[in-house]
Amino acid sequence: MARTVYVNGDYVAEGDAKISVFDRGFLFADGVYEVTSVLGGKLIDFDGHMRRLKRSLGELQMAMPLPEDELLAIHRELVSRNAVIEGLVYLQITRGVADRDFLYPSATPQTLVLFTQSKSIVDSPLAKRGARVVSVEDLRWGRRDIKTVQLLYPSMAKMIAQEKGVDDAWLVQDGHVTEGTSNNAYIVTRDGTIVTRDLSSDILAGITRAAVLECARTLQMKVEERPFTIAEALEAREAFTTSATGFVCPVVEIDGVSLGEGQPGPVANGLRQIYVETSLKAAI
């Protein structure tokens, strides 16, 4: 059965969803997005995603198209109509439709689109076996802190990883890991310290990142937010990534070198378990 999607105020079958060829999201990648996880038919960390959405829009001089409670209602309606028990709700906002011009148009109605994807996240085969990654030069634009729809280079990096027969890529700038193609990156040092890149315009402030680091600190794990190199990662006890689409995913190999015993480690597995349990309790 075809999914129901939301387009500018209407719930329509996915095959009937239409966007203008003059939409600035299509012409300029002039838009932002958020992806909210669904577990047990409920939304995970919706408030966090809305806070980041407002920030991204503000950085692009765009307003929220609807009040937050109305966006929540749309999310819930799509989850219900598409019978999503576990999966994702994708939201995209663009500056809207205008004749092609590099300058921002004034008073143009925004384009708002939402759709769902049913997906097994908790029992992910990748999380159970652990991901293998390769390092790739980070050639993205300089404002990675804005969650824009400009995702071509991450797609290229994922294709490089696929061509090398692995699962994903870690992006490297000036000798240090920034993040994964669609996730935040971490290592666990020999003394058990969790290390991840500090927040700046170089990386996206992951909503799952914030929640997982809070879990780690609650468990009295030592956390350092700082740059780290691939060489340091290869000496690590463990590595993992976090994202709304993968939660906590162990990394067992970097550039062909196995980490630890080449299996998901106890820190990543433990954080994944507590994150799922904590998220389910707070889901709306």
C-alpha atoms as a PDB file:
ATOM      1  CA  MET A   1       0.000   0.000   0.000  1.00  0.00           C
ATOM      2  CA  ALA A   2       1.359   3.438  -0.953  1.00  0.00           C
ATOM      3  CA  ARG A   3       2.516   5.685   1.849  1.00  0.00           C
ATOM      4  CA  THR A   4       0.702   8.830   2.811  1.00  0.00           C
ATOM      5  CA  VAL A   5       2.948  11.884   2.751  1.00  0.00           C
ATOM      6  CA  TYR A   6       2.400  15.481   3.804  1.00  0.00           C
ATOM      7  CA  VAL A   7       2.931  18.289   1.283  1.00  0.00           C
ATOM      8  CA  ASN A   8       2.119  21.898   2.108  1.00  0.00           C
ATOM      9  CA  GLY A   9      -0.983  21.272   4.186  1.00  0.00           C
ATOM     10  CA  ASP A  10      -2.291  18.154   2.443  1.00  0.00           C
ATOM     11  CA  TYR A  11      -2.004  14.442   3.177  1.00  0.00           C
ATOM     12  CA  VAL A  12      -1.631  12.697  -0.176  1.00  0.00           C
ATOM     13  CA  ALA A  13      -0.561   9.349  -1.599  1.00  0.00           C
ATOM     14  CA  GLU A  14       3.175   9.388  -2.310  1.00  0.00           C
ATOM     15  CA  GLY A  15       2.559   9.002  -6.040  1.00  0.00           C
ATOM     16  CA  ASP A  16       0.473  12.162  -6.048  1.00  0.00           C
ATOM     17  CA  ALA A  17       2.978  14.313  -4.144  1.00  0.00           C
ATOM     18  CA  LYS A  18       4.243  17.181  -6.309  1.00  0.00           C
ATOM     19  CA  ILE A  19       6.807  19.983  -5.830  1.00  0.00           C
ATOM     20  CA  SER A  20       7.473  22.780  -8.322  1.00  0.00           C
ATOM     21  CA  VAL A  21      10.558  22.631 -10.533  1.00  0.00           C
ATOM     22  CA  PHE A  22      11.194  26.187  -9.302  1.00  0.00           C
ATOM     23  CA  ASP A  23      11.411  25.162  -5.652  1.00  0.00           C
ATOM     24  CA  ARG A  24      14.657  26.509  -4.221  1.00  0.00           C
ATOM     25  CA  GLY A  25      15.312  23.210  -2.499  1.00  0.00           C
ATOM     26  CA  PHE A  26      15.571  21.653  -5.970  1.00  0.00           C
ATOM     27  CA  LEU A  27      17.479  24.528  -7.556  1.00  0.00           C
ATOM     28  CA  PHE A  28      19.851  25.563  -4.754  1.00  0.00           C
ATOM     29  CA  ALA A  29      19.571  22.976  -1.938  1.00  0.00           C
ATOM     30  CA  ASP A  30      18.090  25.966  -0.109  1.00  0.00           C
ATOM     31  CA  GLY A  31      16.429  24.080   2.700  1.00  0.00           C
ATOM     32  CA  VAL A  32      16.857  22.168   5.932  1.00  0.00           C
ATOM     33  CA  TYR A  33      15.625  18.865   7.287  1.00  0.00           C
ATOM     34  CA  GLU A  34      15.246  16.729  10.391  1.00  0.00           C
ATOM     35  CA  VAL A  35      14.809  12.989  10.884  1.00  0.00           C
ATOM     36  CA  THR A  36      13.002  11.795  13.999  1.00  0.00           C
ATOM     37  CA  SER A  37      13.126   8.160  15.092  1.00  0.00           C
ATOM     38  CA  VAL A  38       9.981   6.184  15.875  1.00  0.00           C
ATOM     39  CA  LEU A  39       9.950   3.349  18.418  1.00  0.00           C
ATOM     40  CA  GLY A  40       6.779   1.582  19.450  1.00  0.00           C
ATOM     41  CA  GLY A  41       4.826   4.064  17.353  1.00  0.00           C
ATOM     42  CA  LYS A  42       6.165   7.000  19.390  1.00  0.00           C
ATOM     43  CA  LEU A  43       8.603   9.798  18.553  1.00  0.00           C
ATOM     44  CA  ILE A  44      12.110   9.865  20.030  1.00  0.00           C
ATOM     45  CA  ASP A  45      13.518  13.207  21.263  1.00  0.00           C
ATOM     46  CA  PHE A  46      11.068  15.302  19.241  1.00  0.00           C
ATOM     47  CA  ASP A  47      11.817  18.425  21.305  1.00  0.00           C
ATOM     48  CA  GLY A  48      15.523  18.144  20.560  1.00  0.00           C
ATOM     49  CA  HIS A  49      14.883  17.892  16.833  1.00  0.00           C
ATOM     50  CA  MET A  50      12.610  20.945  16.935  1.00  0.00           C
ATOM     51  CA  ARG A  51      15.270  22.988  18.756  1.00  0.00           C
ATOM     52  CA  ARG A  52      17.850  22.121  16.121  1.00  0.00           C
ATOM     53  CA  LEU A  53      15.348  22.756  13.322  1.00  0.00           C
ATOM     54  CA  LYS A  54      14.694  26.282  14.622  1.00  0.00           C
ATOM     55  CA  ARG A  55      18.425  26.937  14.806  1.00  0.00           C
ATOM     56  CA  SER A  56      19.059  25.686  11.251  1.00  0.00           C
ATOM     57  CA  LEU A  57      16.215  27.810   9.907  1.00  0.00           C
ATOM     58  CA  GLY A  58      17.491  30.841  11.786  1.00  0.00           C
ATOM     59  CA  GLU A  59      20.979  30.449  10.329  1.00  0.00           C
ATOM     60  CA  LEU A  60      19.411  30.570   6.852  1.00  0.00           C
ATOM     61  CA  GLN A  61      17.132  33.504   7.728  1.00  0.00           C
ATOM     62  CA  MET A  62      14.023  31.346   7.496  1.00  0.00           C
ATOM     63  CA  ALA A  63      11.092  31.094   9.903  1.00  0.00           C
ATOM     64  CA  MET A  64       9.305  28.051  11.270  1.00  0.00           C
ATOM     65  CA  PRO A  65       6.503  27.299   8.779  1.00  0.00           C
ATOM     66  CA  LEU A  66       4.125  26.100  11.505  1.00  0.00           C
ATOM     67  CA  PRO A  67       4.007  26.144  15.296  1.00  0.00           C
ATOM     68  CA  GLU A  68       5.783  23.252  16.986  1.00  0.00           C
ATOM     69  CA  ASP A  69       2.551  21.669  18.256  1.00  0.00           C
ATOM     70  CA  GLU A  70       1.175  21.534  14.703  1.00  0.00           C
ATOM     71  CA  LEU A  71       4.367  19.888  13.435  1.00  0.00           C
ATOM     72  CA  LEU A  72       4.043  17.336  16.242  1.00  0.00           C
ATOM     73  CA  ALA A  73       0.457  16.628  15.193  1.00  0.00           C
ATOM     74  CA  ILE A  74       1.569  16.076  11.576  1.00  0.00           C
ATOM     75  CA  HIS A  75       4.312  13.698  12.691  1.00  0.00           C
ATOM     76  CA  ARG A  76       1.837  11.695  14.753  1.00  0.00           C
ATOM     77  CA  GLU A  77      -0.757  11.647  11.980  1.00  0.00           C
ATOM     78  CA  LEU A  78       1.768  10.277   9.473  1.00  0.00           C
ATOM     79  CA  VAL A  79       2.943   7.627  11.947  1.00  0.00           C
ATOM     80  CA  SER A  80      -0.690   6.601  12.423  1.00  0.00           C
ATOM     81  CA  ARG A  81      -1.730   6.657   8.760  1.00  0.00           C
ATOM     82  CA  ASN A  82       1.323   4.654   7.697  1.00  0.00           C
ATOM     83  CA  ALA A  83       1.183   2.286  10.691  1.00  0.00           C
ATOM     84  CA  VAL A  84       4.830   2.956  11.568  1.00  0.00           C
ATOM     85  CA  ILE A  85       5.847   0.961  14.625  1.00  0.00           C
ATOM     86  CA  GLU A  86       9.572   1.410  14.176  1.00  0.00           C
ATOM     87  CA  GLY A  87      11.264   3.721  11.720  1.00  0.00           C
ATOM     88  CA  LEU A  88      11.655   7.385  10.844  1.00  0.00           C
ATOM     89  CA  VAL A  89       9.786  10.588  10.075  1.00  0.00           C
ATOM     90  CA  TYR A  90      11.605  12.852   7.612  1.00  0.00           C
ATOM     91  CA  LEU A  91      10.785  16.579   7.567  1.00  0.00           C
ATOM     92  CA  GLN A  92      12.072  19.032   4.960  1.00  0.00           C
ATOM     93  CA  ILE A  93      11.539  22.777   4.735  1.00  0.00           C
ATOM     94  CA  THR A  94      12.720  24.829   1.771  1.00  0.00           C
ATOM     95  CA  ARG A  95      12.594  28.553   1.122  1.00  0.00           C
ATOM     96  CA  GLY A  96       9.821  27.872  -1.388  1.00  0.00           C
ATOM     97  CA  VAL A  97       9.069  28.568  -5.038  1.00  0.00           C
ATOM     98  CA  ALA A  98      10.523  31.517  -6.953  1.00  0.00           C
ATOM     99  CA  ASP A  99      12.069  32.227 -10.338  1.00  0.00           C
ATOM    100  CA  ARG A 100      15.717  31.168 -10.364  1.00  0.00           C
ATOM    101  CA  ASP A 101      17.897  33.822  -8.722  1.00  0.00           C
ATOM    102  CA  PHE A 102      20.792  33.511  -6.286  1.00  0.00           C
ATOM    103  CA  LEU A 103      19.293  36.225  -4.070  1.00  0.00           C
ATOM    104  CA  TYR A 104      16.730  35.112  -1.507  1.00  0.00           C
ATOM    105  CA  PRO A 105      13.173  35.938  -2.605  1.00  0.00           C
ATOM    106  CA  SER A 106      11.084  37.976  -0.180  1.00  0.00           C
ATOM    107  CA  ALA A 107       7.766  36.835   1.344  1.00  0.00           C
ATOM    108  CA  THR A 108       7.794  33.499  -0.488  1.00  0.00           C
ATOM    109  CA  PRO A 109       5.675  30.742   1.110  1.00  0.00           C
ATOM    110  CA  GLN A 110       7.917  27.932   2.295  1.00  0.00           C
ATOM    111  CA  THR A 111       7.637  24.335   1.126  1.00  0.00           C
ATOM    112  CA  LEU A 112       6.968  21.807   3.893  1.00  0.00           C
ATOM    113  CA  VAL A 113       7.199  18.077   3.218  1.00  0.00           C
ATOM    114  CA  LEU A 114       7.090  15.108   5.601  1.00  0.00           C
ATOM    115  CA  PHE A 115       7.167  11.371   4.962  1.00  0.00           C
ATOM    116  CA  THR A 116       7.800   8.191   6.911  1.00  0.00           C
ATOM    117  CA  GLN A 117      10.051   5.171   6.485  1.00  0.00           C
ATOM    118  CA  SER A 118       9.454   1.912   8.307  1.00  0.00           C
ATOM    119  CA  LYS A 119      12.814   0.481   9.333  1.00  0.00           C
ATOM    120  CA  SER A 120      14.221  -1.905  11.918  1.00  0.00           C
ATOM    121  CA  ILE A 121      16.553   0.169  14.100  1.00  0.00           C
ATOM    122  CA  VAL A 122      16.742  -1.622  17.448  1.00  0.00           C
ATOM    123  CA  ASP A 123      17.573  -5.013  15.931  1.00  0.00           C
ATOM    124  CA  SER A 124      19.832  -3.611  13.223  1.00  0.00           C
ATOM    125  CA  PRO A 125      22.113  -6.283  11.700  1.00  0.00           C
ATOM    126  CA  LEU A 126      24.801  -3.626  11.192  1.00  0.00           C
ATOM    127  CA  ALA A 127      24.810  -2.720  14.881  1.00  0.00           C
ATOM    128  CA  LYS A 128      25.086  -6.400  15.823  1.00  0.00           C
ATOM    129  CA  ARG A 129      28.107  -7.116  13.618  1.00  0.00           C
ATOM    130  CA  GLY A 130      29.678  -3.662  13.732  1.00  0.00           C
ATOM    131  CA  ALA A 131      30.433  -1.287  10.880  1.00  0.00           C
ATOM    132  CA  ARG A 132      33.580  -1.166   8.802  1.00  0.00           C
ATOM    133  CA  VAL A 133      34.635   2.320   7.687  1.00  0.00           C
ATOM    134  CA  VAL A 134      37.267   4.012   5.551  1.00  0.00           C
ATOM    135  CA  SER A 135      38.682   7.502   5.947  1.00  0.00           C
ATOM    136  CA  VAL A 136      37.881  10.046   3.233  1.00  0.00           C
ATOM    137  CA  GLU A 137      38.925  13.684   2.902  1.00  0.00           C
ATOM    138  CA  ASP A 138      36.213  16.036   4.164  1.00  0.00           C
ATOM    139  CA  LEU A 139      35.361  18.317   1.236  1.00  0.00           C
ATOM    140  CA  ARG A 140      31.986  19.569   2.456  1.00  0.00           C
ATOM    141  CA  TRP A 141      31.110  23.245   2.810  1.00  0.00           C
ATOM    142  CA  GLY A 142      32.100  25.033   5.999  1.00  0.00           C
ATOM    143  CA  ARG A 143      28.689  25.274   7.744  1.00  0.00           C
ATOM    144  CA  ARG A 144      28.118  21.645   8.691  1.00  0.00           C
ATOM    145  CA  ASP A 145      26.389  22.797  11.867  1.00  0.00           C
ATOM    146  CA  ILE A 146      23.333  23.676   9.742  1.00  0.00           C
ATOM    147  CA  LYS A 147      21.325  20.582   8.834  1.00  0.00           C
ATOM    148  CA  THR A 148      20.777  21.496   5.191  1.00  0.00           C
ATOM    149  CA  VAL A 149      19.598  19.265   2.357  1.00  0.00           C
ATOM    150  CA  GLN A 150      23.001  19.756   0.696  1.00  0.00           C
ATOM    151  CA  LEU A 151      24.069  16.119   0.973  1.00  0.00           C
ATOM    152  CA  LEU A 152      25.889  15.420  -2.290  1.00  0.00           C
ATOM    153  CA  TYR A 153      29.374  15.010  -0.857  1.00  0.00           C
ATOM    154  CA  PRO A 154      28.247  12.680   1.958  1.00  0.00           C
ATOM    155  CA  SER A 155      26.565  10.619  -0.776  1.00  0.00           C
ATOM    156  CA  MET A 156      29.828  10.565  -2.726  1.00  0.00           C
ATOM    157  CA  ALA A 157      31.722   9.460   0.387  1.00  0.00           C
ATOM    158  CA  LYS A 158      29.211   6.675   1.017  1.00  0.00           C
ATOM    159  CA  MET A 159      29.706   5.526  -2.574  1.00  0.00           C
ATOM    160  CA  ILE A 160      33.489   5.478  -2.042  1.00  0.00           C
ATOM    161  CA  ALA A 161      32.913   3.283   1.005  1.00  0.00           C
ATOM    162  CA  GLN A 162      30.629   0.970  -0.953  1.00  0.00           C
ATOM    163  CA  GLU A 163      33.181   0.662  -3.766  1.00  0.00           C
ATOM    164  CA  LYS A 164      35.772  -0.372  -1.159  1.00  0.00           C
ATOM    165  CA  GLY A 165      33.410  -3.034   0.175  1.00  0.00           C
ATOM    166  CA  VAL A 166      32.781  -1.417   3.563  1.00  0.00           C
ATOM    167  CA  ASP A 167      29.809   0.194   5.284  1.00  0.00           C
ATOM    168  CA  ASP A 168      30.597   3.881   5.650  1.00  0.00           C
ATOM    169  CA  ALA A 169      33.242   6.597   5.627  1.00  0.00           C
ATOM    170  CA  TRP A 170      34.717   8.831   8.321  1.00  0.00           C
ATOM    171  CA  LEU A 171      35.518  12.308   7.046  1.00  0.00           C
ATOM    172  CA  VAL A 172      38.940  13.785   7.802  1.00  0.00           C
ATOM    173  CA  GLN A 173      39.970  17.441   7.722  1.00  0.00           C
ATOM    174  CA  ASP A 174      43.443  18.749   8.578  1.00  0.00           C
ATOM    175  CA  GLY A 175      44.394  15.300   9.847  1.00  0.00           C
ATOM    176  CA  HIS A 176      41.465  14.979  12.264  1.00  0.00           C
ATOM    177  CA  VAL A 177      38.164  13.135  12.027  1.00  0.00           C
ATOM    178  CA  THR A 178      35.164  15.464  11.801  1.00  0.00           C
ATOM    179  CA  GLU A 179      32.274  12.973  11.650  1.00  0.00           C
ATOM    180  CA  GLY A 180      30.807  10.151   9.601  1.00  0.00           C
ATOM    181  CA  THR A 181      28.841  10.738   6.415  1.00  0.00           C
ATOM    182  CA  SER A 182      25.550  10.819   8.332  1.00  0.00           C
ATOM    183  CA  ASN A 183      26.555  10.337  11.959  1.00  0.00           C
ATOM    184  CA  ASN A 184      28.833  11.562  14.731  1.00  0.00           C
ATOM    185  CA  ALA A 185      32.052   9.591  15.319  1.00  0.00           C
ATOM    186  CA  TYR A 186      33.633   8.376  18.578  1.00  0.00           C
ATOM    187  CA  ILE A 187      36.550   6.341  19.853  1.00  0.00           C
ATOM    188  CA  VAL A 188      37.107   4.683  23.217  1.00  0.00           C
ATOM    189  CA  THR A 189      40.742   4.994  24.308  1.00  0.00           C
ATOM    190  CA  ARG A 190      42.722   2.289  26.078  1.00  0.00           C
ATOM    191  CA  ASP A 191      41.914   3.854  29.444  1.00  0.00           C
ATOM    192  CA  GLY A 192      38.177   3.832  28.654  1.00  0.00           C
ATOM    193  CA  THR A 193      37.750   7.512  27.793  1.00  0.00           C
ATOM    194  CA  ILE A 194      35.078   8.293  25.201  1.00  0.00           C
ATOM    195  CA  VAL A 195      36.396  10.847  22.699  1.00  0.00           C
ATOM    196  CA  THR A 196      34.302  12.712  20.123  1.00  0.00           C
ATOM    197  CA  ARG A 197      34.764  15.907  18.142  1.00  0.00           C
ATOM    198  CA  ASP A 198      33.806  19.089  19.994  1.00  0.00           C
ATOM    199  CA  LEU A 199      30.905  21.132  18.651  1.00  0.00           C
ATOM    200  CA  SER A 200      31.673  23.842  16.102  1.00  0.00           C
ATOM    201  CA  SER A 201      30.750  24.693  12.525  1.00  0.00           C
ATOM    202  CA  ASP A 202      32.830  21.642  11.509  1.00  0.00           C
ATOM    203  CA  ILE A 203      30.190  19.097  12.603  1.00  0.00           C
ATOM    204  CA  LEU A 204      26.477  18.724  13.135  1.00  0.00           C
ATOM    205  CA  ALA A 205      25.268  18.880  16.722  1.00  0.00           C
ATOM    206  CA  GLY A 206      23.661  15.453  16.729  1.00  0.00           C
ATOM    207  CA  ILE A 207      20.503  15.032  18.806  1.00  0.00           C
ATOM    208  CA  THR A 208      21.434  11.404  19.459  1.00  0.00           C
ATOM    209  CA  ARG A 209      24.981  12.586  20.227  1.00  0.00           C
ATOM    210  CA  ALA A 210      23.732  14.801  23.035  1.00  0.00           C
ATOM    211  CA  ALA A 211      21.529  12.049  24.484  1.00  0.00           C
ATOM    212  CA  VAL A 212      24.255   9.388  24.336  1.00  0.00           C
ATOM    213  CA  LEU A 213      26.850  11.659  25.963  1.00  0.00           C
ATOM    214  CA  GLU A 214      24.350  12.363  28.736  1.00  0.00           C
ATOM    215  CA  CYS A 215      23.915   8.593  29.192  1.00  0.00           C
ATOM    216  CA  ALA A 216      27.705   8.191  29.359  1.00  0.00           C
ATOM    217  CA  ARG A 217      28.094  10.908  31.972  1.00  0.00           C
ATOM    218  CA  THR A 218      25.219   9.459  34.008  1.00  0.00           C
ATOM    219  CA  LEU A 219      27.154   6.179  34.034  1.00  0.00           C
ATOM    220  CA  GLN A 220      30.212   8.185  35.198  1.00  0.00           C
ATOM    221  CA  MET A 221      32.162   7.405  32.053  1.00  0.00           C
ATOM    222  CA  LYS A 222      34.937   9.857  31.199  1.00  0.00           C
ATOM    223  CA  VAL A 223      34.129  11.930  28.096  1.00  0.00           C
ATOM    224  CA  GLU A 224      36.453  14.214  26.138  1.00  0.00           C
ATOM    225  CA  GLU A 225      35.114  16.447  23.375  1.00  0.00           C
ATOM    226  CA  ARG A 226      38.119  17.147  21.165  1.00  0.00           C
ATOM    227  CA  PRO A 227      39.536  16.317  17.728  1.00  0.00           C
ATOM    228  CA  PHE A 228      41.176  12.923  17.210  1.00  0.00           C
ATOM    229  CA  THR A 229      43.175  11.454  14.329  1.00  0.00           C
ATOM    230  CA  ILE A 230      42.755   8.252  12.371  1.00  0.00           C
ATOM    231  CA  ALA A 231      46.068   7.090  13.870  1.00  0.00           C
ATOM    232  CA  GLU A 232      44.602   7.561  17.348  1.00  0.00           C
ATOM    233  CA  ALA A 233      41.444   5.756  16.288  1.00  0.00           C
ATOM    234  CA  LEU A 234      43.450   2.765  15.073  1.00  0.00           C
ATOM    235  CA  GLU A 235      44.959   2.446  18.557  1.00  0.00           C
ATOM    236  CA  ALA A 236      41.577   2.707  20.263  1.00  0.00           C
ATOM    237  CA  ARG A 237      39.892  -0.034  22.237  1.00  0.00           C
ATOM    238  CA  GLU A 238      36.567   0.628  20.497  1.00  0.00           C
ATOM    239  CA  ALA A 239      34.832   3.031  18.135  1.00  0.00           C
ATOM    240  CA  PHE A 240      31.224   3.805  17.338  1.00  0.00           C
ATOM    241  CA  THR A 241      28.856   6.281  15.719  1.00  0.00           C
ATOM    242  CA  THR A 242      25.562   7.848  16.760  1.00  0.00           C
ATOM    243  CA  SER A 243      22.603   9.012  14.686  1.00  0.00           C
ATOM    244  CA  ALA A 244      18.816   9.082  14.683  1.00  0.00           C
ATOM    245  CA  THR A 245      18.819   6.383  12.007  1.00  0.00           C
ATOM    246  CA  GLY A 246      21.275   4.056  13.727  1.00  0.00           C
ATOM    247  CA  PHE A 247      21.266   5.024  17.422  1.00  0.00           C
ATOM    248  CA  VAL A 248      24.648   3.765  18.703  1.00  0.00           C
ATOM    249  CA  CYS A 249      26.436   1.675  16.070  1.00  0.00           C
ATOM    250  CA  PRO A 250      29.762  -0.033  16.892  1.00  0.00           C
ATOM    251  CA  VAL A 251      32.660   0.396  14.455  1.00  0.00           C
ATOM    252  CA  VAL A 252      34.936  -2.651  14.260  1.00  0.00           C
ATOM    253  CA  GLU A 253      37.305  -1.715  11.416  1.00  0.00           C
ATOM    254  CA  ILE A 254      38.901   1.486  10.121  1.00  0.00           C
ATOM    255  CA  ASP A 255      40.898   1.546   6.869  1.00  0.00           C
ATOM    256  CA  GLY A 256      41.212  -2.237   6.931  1.00  0.00           C
ATOM    257  CA  VAL A 257      42.528  -2.415  10.508  1.00  0.00           C
ATOM    258  CA  SER A 258      40.412  -4.246  13.069  1.00  0.00           C
ATOM    259  CA  LEU A 259      39.762  -2.518  16.380  1.00  0.00           C
ATOM    260  CA  GLY A 260      40.082  -4.469  19.595  1.00  0.00           C
ATOM    261  CA  GLU A 261      38.956  -8.006  18.867  1.00  0.00           C
ATOM    262  CA  GLY A 262      37.186  -6.990  15.677  1.00  0.00           C
ATOM    263  CA  GLN A 263      33.785  -7.266  17.381  1.00  0.00           C
ATOM    264  CA  PRO A 264      31.378  -4.716  18.883  1.00  0.00           C
ATOM    265  CA  GLY A 265      32.763  -3.712  22.273  1.00  0.00           C
ATOM    266  CA  PRO A 266      31.132  -3.405  25.682  1.00  0.00           C
ATOM    267  CA  VAL A 267      31.095   0.408  25.777  1.00  0.00           C
ATOM    268  CA  ALA A 268      29.236   0.792  22.472  1.00  0.00           C
ATOM    269  CA  ASN A 269      26.881  -2.084  23.230  1.00  0.00           C
ATOM    270  CA  GLY A 270      26.194  -0.783  26.729  1.00  0.00           C
ATOM    271  CA  LEU A 271      25.498   2.755  25.546  1.00  0.00           C
ATOM    272  CA  ARG A 272      23.227   1.440  22.801  1.00  0.00           C
ATOM    273  CA  GLN A 273      21.175  -0.525  25.308  1.00  0.00           C
ATOM    274  CA  ILE A 274      20.783   2.308  27.808  1.00  0.00           C
ATOM    275  CA  TYR A 275      20.026   4.815  25.046  1.00  0.00           C
ATOM    276  CA  VAL A 276      17.179   2.645  23.711  1.00  0.00           C
ATOM    277  CA  GLU A 277      15.784   2.071  27.210  1.00  0.00           C
ATOM    278  CA  THR A 278      15.994   5.778  28.109  1.00  0.00           C
ATOM    279  CA  SER A 279      14.521   6.901  24.791  1.00  0.00           C
ATOM    280  CA  LEU A 280      11.547   4.544  25.039  1.00  0.00           C
ATOM    281  CA  LYS A 281      10.662   5.909  28.471  1.00  0.00           C
ATOM    282  CA  ALA A 282      10.692   9.492  27.204  1.00  0.00           C
ATOM    283  CA  ALA A 283       9.096   8.859  23.770  1.00  0.00           C
ATOM    284  CA  ILE A 284       5.979  10.815  22.845  1.00  0.00           C
END
